[in-house]
């Protein structure tokens, strides 16, 4: 008996590494030392920092992967993986430097997993960070045939004096919401239950359905739209001298859970819920699942993927600046006295 008979094909693993080598190299920055295939990845810290601070973040894609498996479409979840990590690192004002991924599967399917890595590489290029390395684990018997799981890890850097930690936020600051591309990578357990319950009721609904609310688009395609990566417009804004007091990545838990994480003591945010466009996919989910307004806001981003807090004096100008960069932006609320609540999104 050999390892292949036990379900692990070492030669296929080696071939897979060779197949993705070009994808990985396409993300490299000048600071990357060495190449793919070693025991580790080496990255030289950028010059020009006086007191550099490393900022790290890690995440996965969650049960959105189940949808990718069911539709046999794997070219977008890698972008999601990078986005979930780099957007988190970005909230402290850090520039993402490098990214590593962990990919586990029952049996290595080169065509399938190359799509995944291609998405990871695309996400890294969008974020300007290097795909420094990763790990592919073949674990027969642990995953169902054709299934895989992915996790990611990102490291960024920021000047110590420029870290955003809530202390810069002032009462009266304005919240600018940057539009999401859709559901992103959170709430998919509820999404899948809404769809599966409809199918179980002998409804014609499926991932290939084109609900009227979605304007003829396939439900599965809309839901697989990858998470928006906000790194470039935010870093460009900081480079242009735009003063940002706080930032929040709107992920699981929506605005109520994530927006307070960038506030200072004794502060809350009053949201104007009709100040931005609720995307059709959220209207469809609320209707199809009979989900309450409060539950929708507590589960999904509802069309706002990232929030920046800025001075009220500069808010209109900054909002127009983001629009000029191709990022849809809305004035969605104001920092008020409170104890860390987001007011105005329930009821």
Protein backbone atom coordinates (compact mmCIF):
# COMPACT_ATOMS: atom_id res chain seq x y z
CA UNK A 1 0.00 0.00 0.00
CA UNK A 2 1.19 3.55 -0.71
CA UNK A 3 0.07 7.11 0.00
CA UNK A 4 -1.89 7.35 -3.26
CA UNK A 5 -3.95 4.30 -2.35
CA UNK A 6 -4.74 6.04 0.94
CA UNK A 7 -6.13 8.96 -1.05
CA UNK A 8 -3.22 11.44 -1.18
CA UNK A 9 -1.50 12.03 -4.53
CA UNK A 10 1.84 13.73 -3.89
CA UNK A 11 2.67 14.01 -7.59
CA UNK A 12 -0.64 15.75 -8.27
CA UNK A 13 0.20 18.17 -5.45
CA UNK A 14 3.54 18.98 -7.03
CA UNK A 15 1.90 19.51 -10.40
CA UNK A 16 -0.65 21.83 -8.80
CA UNK A 17 2.11 24.00 -7.31
CA UNK A 18 3.71 24.31 -10.74
CA UNK A 19 0.34 25.18 -12.28
CA UNK A 20 -0.30 28.09 -9.89
CA UNK A 21 3.27 29.42 -9.86
CA UNK A 22 2.55 32.10 -12.45
CA UNK A 23 -0.58 33.23 -10.60
CA UNK A 24 1.39 33.69 -7.39
CA UNK A 25 4.24 35.54 -9.11
CA UNK A 26 1.76 37.94 -10.73
CA UNK A 27 1.03 39.39 -7.27
CA UNK A 28 4.62 39.93 -6.13
CA UNK A 29 5.84 43.28 -4.88
CA UNK A 30 9.52 44.36 -4.86
CA UNK A 31 9.78 43.43 -1.18
CA UNK A 32 9.16 39.72 -1.83
CA UNK A 33 12.31 37.65 -1.36
CA UNK A 34 12.61 34.20 -2.88
CA UNK A 35 10.00 32.21 -4.72
CA UNK A 36 7.23 29.66 -4.30
CA UNK A 37 7.97 26.24 -2.87
CA UNK A 38 9.98 26.91 0.26
CA UNK A 39 9.03 26.21 3.84
CA UNK A 40 8.11 29.87 4.34
CA UNK A 41 7.74 33.20 2.58
CA UNK A 42 10.10 36.13 3.10
CA UNK A 43 9.11 39.78 2.82
CA UNK A 44 11.39 42.77 3.38
CA UNK A 45 9.63 45.61 5.22
CA UNK A 46 9.10 48.72 3.10
CA UNK A 47 11.34 51.72 3.74
CA UNK A 48 10.21 55.12 4.92
CA UNK A 49 8.48 54.24 8.18
CA UNK A 50 9.73 55.81 11.44
CA UNK A 51 7.77 53.57 13.83
CA UNK A 52 6.26 50.82 11.68
CA UNK A 53 3.50 48.71 13.21
CA UNK A 54 2.45 45.37 11.72
CA UNK A 55 -1.31 44.82 11.49
CA UNK A 56 -2.69 41.32 10.91
CA UNK A 57 -6.05 39.81 10.02
CA UNK A 58 -7.41 36.36 9.23
CA UNK A 59 -10.76 35.09 7.94
CA UNK A 60 -12.55 32.65 5.68
CA UNK A 61 -15.48 32.73 3.28
CA UNK A 62 -18.01 30.76 5.34
CA UNK A 63 -20.90 28.85 3.85
CA UNK A 64 -20.77 30.88 0.65
CA UNK A 65 -18.47 28.03 -0.38
CA UNK A 66 -21.50 25.70 -0.39
CA UNK A 67 -23.02 27.82 -3.13
CA UNK A 68 -19.77 27.77 -5.12
CA UNK A 69 -19.75 23.97 -4.82
CA UNK A 70 -23.37 23.63 -5.89
CA UNK A 71 -22.90 25.88 -8.93
CA UNK A 72 -19.42 24.47 -9.67
CA UNK A 73 -18.10 28.00 -9.98
CA UNK A 74 -14.90 28.70 -8.11
CA UNK A 75 -13.42 31.83 -9.69
CA UNK A 76 -14.83 34.39 -7.22
CA UNK A 77 -14.47 32.92 -3.72
CA UNK A 78 -10.72 33.59 -3.74
CA UNK A 79 -11.46 37.30 -4.17
CA UNK A 80 -13.85 37.04 -1.22
CA UNK A 81 -11.13 35.44 0.88
CA UNK A 82 -8.64 38.24 0.24
CA UNK A 83 -11.28 40.95 0.67
CA UNK A 84 -12.41 39.70 4.06
CA UNK A 85 -8.85 39.96 5.37
CA UNK A 86 -7.48 43.08 3.67
CA UNK A 87 -10.57 45.18 4.38
CA UNK A 88 -10.22 44.34 8.08
CA UNK A 89 -6.53 45.28 8.11
CA UNK A 90 -7.35 48.50 6.25
CA UNK A 91 -9.62 49.80 9.04
CA UNK A 92 -6.64 50.76 11.20
CA UNK A 93 -5.14 52.73 8.31
CA UNK A 94 -2.68 49.99 7.35
CA UNK A 95 -1.43 49.15 3.88
CA UNK A 96 -1.80 45.39 3.22
CA UNK A 97 1.63 43.93 2.40
CA UNK A 98 1.27 40.20 1.93
CA UNK A 99 -1.29 37.40 2.07
CA UNK A 100 -1.16 33.66 2.72
CA UNK A 101 -3.89 31.11 2.10
CA UNK A 102 -4.76 27.68 3.46
CA UNK A 103 -6.69 25.39 1.13
CA UNK A 104 -7.97 22.00 2.30
CA UNK A 105 -9.78 19.37 0.25
CA UNK A 106 -10.63 15.68 0.26
CA UNK A 107 -9.07 15.02 -3.13
CA UNK A 108 -7.05 17.54 -5.09
CA UNK A 109 -8.88 18.69 -8.22
CA UNK A 110 -6.37 20.82 -10.11
CA UNK A 111 -8.84 22.54 -12.43
CA UNK A 112 -11.17 23.45 -9.57
CA UNK A 113 -8.51 24.66 -7.15
CA UNK A 114 -6.62 26.58 -9.83
CA UNK A 115 -9.78 28.66 -10.24
CA UNK A 116 -9.74 29.31 -6.50
CA UNK A 117 -6.09 30.40 -6.51
CA UNK A 118 -6.68 32.54 -9.60
CA UNK A 119 -9.35 34.39 -7.58
CA UNK A 120 -6.97 34.78 -4.63
CA UNK A 121 -4.30 36.20 -6.96
CA UNK A 122 -6.82 38.59 -8.50
CA UNK A 123 -7.86 39.79 -5.04
CA UNK A 124 -4.23 40.32 -4.06
CA UNK A 125 -3.59 42.37 -7.17
CA UNK A 126 -6.65 44.50 -6.42
CA UNK A 127 -5.39 45.05 -2.86
CA UNK A 128 -1.80 45.64 -3.93
CA UNK A 129 -0.49 42.89 -1.65
CA UNK A 130 1.71 39.92 -2.48
CA UNK A 131 0.47 36.34 -2.36
CA UNK A 132 3.50 35.25 -0.39
CA UNK A 133 2.68 31.58 -0.03
CA UNK A 134 0.15 29.12 1.27
CA UNK A 135 -0.68 25.54 2.10
CA UNK A 136 -2.70 22.96 0.21
CA UNK A 137 -3.84 20.03 2.36
CA UNK A 138 -5.31 16.87 0.85
CA UNK A 139 -7.34 15.09 3.54
CA UNK A 140 -9.33 12.14 2.19
CA UNK A 141 -12.35 11.22 4.26
CA UNK A 142 -12.53 14.62 5.94
CA UNK A 143 -14.34 16.51 3.15
CA UNK A 144 -17.09 15.37 0.81
CA UNK A 145 -16.01 14.65 -2.80
CA UNK A 146 -15.51 17.88 -4.71
CA UNK A 147 -15.61 20.08 -1.60
CA UNK A 148 -12.85 22.26 -0.16
CA UNK A 149 -12.40 24.91 2.49
CA UNK A 150 -10.23 28.02 2.42
CA UNK A 151 -8.84 30.43 5.00
CA UNK A 152 -6.57 33.43 4.63
CA UNK A 153 -4.14 35.56 6.58
CA UNK A 154 -2.97 39.10 5.79
CA UNK A 155 -0.27 41.36 7.22
CA UNK A 156 -0.21 45.11 6.70
CA UNK A 157 1.81 48.05 8.01
CA UNK A 158 1.00 51.50 9.35
CA UNK A 159 2.94 54.31 10.98
CA UNK A 160 2.35 54.13 14.73
CA UNK A 161 1.26 57.76 14.95
CA UNK A 162 -1.31 57.19 12.18
CA UNK A 163 -3.14 54.16 13.61
CA UNK A 164 -6.91 54.66 13.73
CA UNK A 165 -8.08 53.38 17.11
CA UNK A 166 -11.26 55.33 17.87
CA UNK A 167 -9.52 58.19 19.65
CA UNK A 168 -9.65 60.38 16.54
CA UNK A 169 -13.46 60.17 16.19
CA UNK A 170 -15.33 63.30 17.32
CA UNK A 171 -18.97 63.98 18.13
CA UNK A 172 -20.55 65.44 15.03
CA UNK A 173 -18.37 63.45 12.61
CA UNK A 174 -20.25 62.21 9.57
CA UNK A 175 -20.45 58.57 8.47
CA UNK A 176 -19.84 58.04 4.75
CA UNK A 177 -21.01 54.66 3.53
CA UNK A 178 -19.20 53.09 0.58
CA UNK A 179 -21.46 50.85 -1.46
CA UNK A 180 -21.18 47.08 -1.36
CA UNK A 181 -21.39 44.87 -4.45
CA UNK A 182 -24.05 42.69 -2.85
CA UNK A 183 -24.24 40.19 -0.01
CA UNK A 184 -20.42 39.87 0.04
CA UNK A 185 -19.43 36.92 2.29
CA UNK A 186 -21.74 37.03 5.29
CA UNK A 187 -25.20 35.73 6.11
CA UNK A 188 -25.08 32.78 3.70
CA UNK A 189 -26.47 30.33 6.23
CA UNK A 190 -29.66 32.41 6.17
CA UNK A 191 -29.46 32.86 2.38
CA UNK A 192 -29.19 29.11 1.86
CA UNK A 193 -32.06 28.40 4.25
CA UNK A 194 -34.33 30.87 2.44
CA UNK A 195 -33.60 29.20 -0.89
CA UNK A 196 -33.71 25.61 0.39
CA UNK A 197 -37.01 26.19 2.21
CA UNK A 198 -38.50 27.56 -1.01
CA UNK A 199 -37.28 24.50 -2.93
CA UNK A 200 -38.65 22.17 -0.27
CA UNK A 201 -42.05 23.80 -0.72
CA UNK A 202 -42.01 22.60 -4.34
CA UNK A 203 -41.42 26.12 -5.56
CA UNK A 204 -39.80 26.50 -8.98
CA UNK A 205 -37.08 28.54 -7.27
CA UNK A 206 -33.47 27.43 -7.76
CA UNK A 207 -30.02 29.02 -7.99
CA UNK A 208 -30.69 29.39 -11.73
CA UNK A 209 -33.95 31.28 -11.17
CA UNK A 210 -34.21 34.89 -12.34
CA UNK A 211 -36.50 36.69 -9.86
CA UNK A 212 -38.17 39.85 -11.18
CA UNK A 213 -36.58 41.91 -8.40
CA UNK A 214 -33.13 41.00 -9.73
CA UNK A 215 -33.85 42.34 -13.21
CA UNK A 216 -33.44 39.03 -15.00
CA UNK A 217 -30.13 38.11 -13.39
CA UNK A 218 -29.62 34.56 -12.14
CA UNK A 219 -29.95 34.28 -8.38
CA UNK A 220 -26.76 32.23 -8.06
CA UNK A 221 -24.72 34.71 -10.10
CA UNK A 222 -25.89 37.65 -7.99
CA UNK A 223 -25.10 35.84 -4.74
CA UNK A 224 -21.62 34.82 -5.93
CA UNK A 225 -20.68 38.44 -6.69
CA UNK A 226 -17.41 38.81 -4.76
CA UNK A 227 -16.75 41.08 -1.81
CA UNK A 228 -15.64 44.59 -2.74
CA UNK A 229 -12.01 45.38 -1.93
CA UNK A 230 -11.77 48.95 -0.62
CA UNK A 231 -7.99 49.15 -0.23
CA UNK A 232 -7.07 51.27 -3.26
CA UNK A 233 -9.67 54.06 -2.86
CA UNK A 234 -9.04 54.33 0.90
CA UNK A 235 -5.24 54.39 0.60
CA UNK A 236 -5.53 56.86 -2.29
CA UNK A 237 -7.73 59.06 -0.09
CA UNK A 238 -5.17 59.02 2.74
CA UNK A 239 -2.36 59.70 0.26
CA UNK A 240 -4.34 62.66 -1.09
CA UNK A 241 -4.43 64.16 2.40
CA UNK A 242 -8.06 63.31 3.19
CA UNK A 243 -8.43 63.11 6.95
CA UNK A 244 -10.30 59.99 8.05
CA UNK A 245 -11.11 59.61 11.75
CA UNK A 246 -12.40 56.05 11.76
CA UNK A 247 -13.21 53.11 9.48
CA UNK A 248 -15.41 50.02 9.71
CA UNK A 249 -15.66 46.98 7.47
CA UNK A 250 -19.33 45.95 7.41
CA UNK A 251 -19.35 42.16 7.64
CA UNK A 252 -21.32 39.65 9.74
CA UNK A 253 -23.64 41.49 12.11
CA UNK A 254 -24.09 44.36 9.66
CA UNK A 255 -23.94 48.01 10.65
CA UNK A 256 -25.18 47.45 14.25
CA UNK A 257 -22.27 45.17 15.15
CA UNK A 258 -19.41 46.55 13.08
CA UNK A 259 -19.79 50.32 13.07
CA UNK A 260 -19.39 50.71 16.88
CA UNK A 261 -15.98 48.99 16.66
CA UNK A 262 -14.38 52.15 15.27
CA UNK A 263 -15.91 54.58 17.79
CA UNK A 264 -14.43 56.19 20.90
CA UNK A 265 -15.84 56.13 24.42
CA UNK A 266 -19.28 57.68 24.92
CA UNK A 267 -20.12 57.64 21.22
CA UNK A 268 -22.86 56.14 19.05
CA UNK A 269 -23.91 56.62 15.43
CA UNK A 270 -27.30 57.90 14.34
CA UNK A 271 -28.04 56.36 10.95
CA UNK A 272 -30.44 57.73 8.34
CA UNK A 273 -31.66 54.42 6.86
CA UNK A 274 -33.19 55.97 3.72
CA UNK A 275 -29.98 57.76 2.74
CA UNK A 276 -28.66 55.01 0.49
CA UNK A 277 -29.94 52.49 -2.03
CA UNK A 278 -30.93 49.09 -0.64
CA UNK A 279 -29.77 46.66 -3.33
CA UNK A 280 -32.40 44.45 -5.00
CA UNK A 281 -30.87 41.24 -3.62
CA UNK A 282 -31.62 42.37 -0.06
CA UNK A 283 -35.20 43.28 -0.97
CA UNK A 284 -35.60 39.84 -2.53
CA UNK A 285 -34.14 38.02 0.50
CA UNK A 286 -36.41 39.94 2.89
CA UNK A 287 -39.47 39.13 0.80
CA UNK A 288 -38.65 35.51 -0.02
CA UNK A 289 -37.70 34.65 3.56
CA UNK A 290 -40.17 36.97 5.29
CA UNK A 291 -37.20 38.37 7.19
CA UNK A 292 -37.83 41.35 9.47
CA UNK A 293 -36.14 44.67 8.85
CA UNK A 294 -34.23 44.39 12.12
CA UNK A 295 -32.99 40.89 11.29
CA UNK A 296 -31.90 42.00 7.81
CA UNK A 297 -29.78 44.82 9.26
CA UNK A 298 -28.35 42.51 11.93
CA UNK A 299 -27.32 39.91 9.34
CA UNK A 300 -26.39 41.66 6.07
CA UNK A 301 -24.48 44.77 4.98
CA UNK A 302 -27.68 46.06 3.27
CA UNK A 303 -25.71 47.80 0.53
CA UNK A 304 -22.99 49.44 2.66
CA UNK A 305 -19.73 47.49 2.65
CA UNK A 306 -17.39 49.97 4.32
CA UNK A 307 -17.83 53.14 6.40
CA UNK A 308 -15.45 56.06 6.95
CA UNK A 309 -15.97 58.68 9.65
CA UNK A 310 -14.88 62.19 8.71
CA UNK A 311 -15.28 65.79 9.85
CA UNK A 312 -18.70 67.25 9.09
CA UNK A 313 -17.00 70.24 7.47
CA UNK A 314 -15.31 68.00 4.88
CA UNK A 315 -17.99 65.32 4.50
CA UNK A 316 -19.66 66.56 1.30
CA UNK A 317 -16.30 67.16 -0.38
CA UNK A 318 -14.96 63.74 0.63
CA UNK A 319 -18.12 62.03 -0.57
CA UNK A 320 -17.70 63.69 -3.98
CA UNK A 321 -14.02 62.65 -4.01
CA UNK A 322 -14.94 58.97 -3.60
CA UNK A 323 -17.53 59.33 -6.36
CA UNK A 324 -14.83 60.78 -8.63
CA UNK A 325 -12.79 57.62 -8.00
CA UNK A 326 -15.65 55.41 -9.14
CA UNK A 327 -16.78 54.46 -5.62
CA UNK A 328 -20.46 55.04 -4.86
CA UNK A 329 -20.63 56.91 -1.55
CA UNK A 330 -23.49 58.08 0.66
CA UNK A 331 -23.78 60.39 3.68
CA UNK A 332 -25.51 57.91 5.98
CA UNK A 333 -25.27 59.23 9.54
CA UNK A 334 -23.61 61.18 12.33
CA UNK A 335 -21.59 60.41 15.46
CA UNK A 336 -23.62 61.34 18.56
CA UNK A 337 -23.35 60.85 22.29
CA UNK A 338 -24.12 57.30 23.40
CA UNK A 339 -22.71 54.00 24.56
CA UNK A 340 -21.73 52.28 21.33
CA UNK A 341 -25.10 51.81 19.64
CA UNK A 342 -26.12 52.23 16.04
CA UNK A 343 -29.45 54.05 16.13
CA UNK A 344 -32.00 54.15 13.34
CA UNK A 345 -31.59 50.83 11.53
CA UNK A 346 -34.21 48.76 13.40
CA UNK A 347 -37.94 49.02 13.73
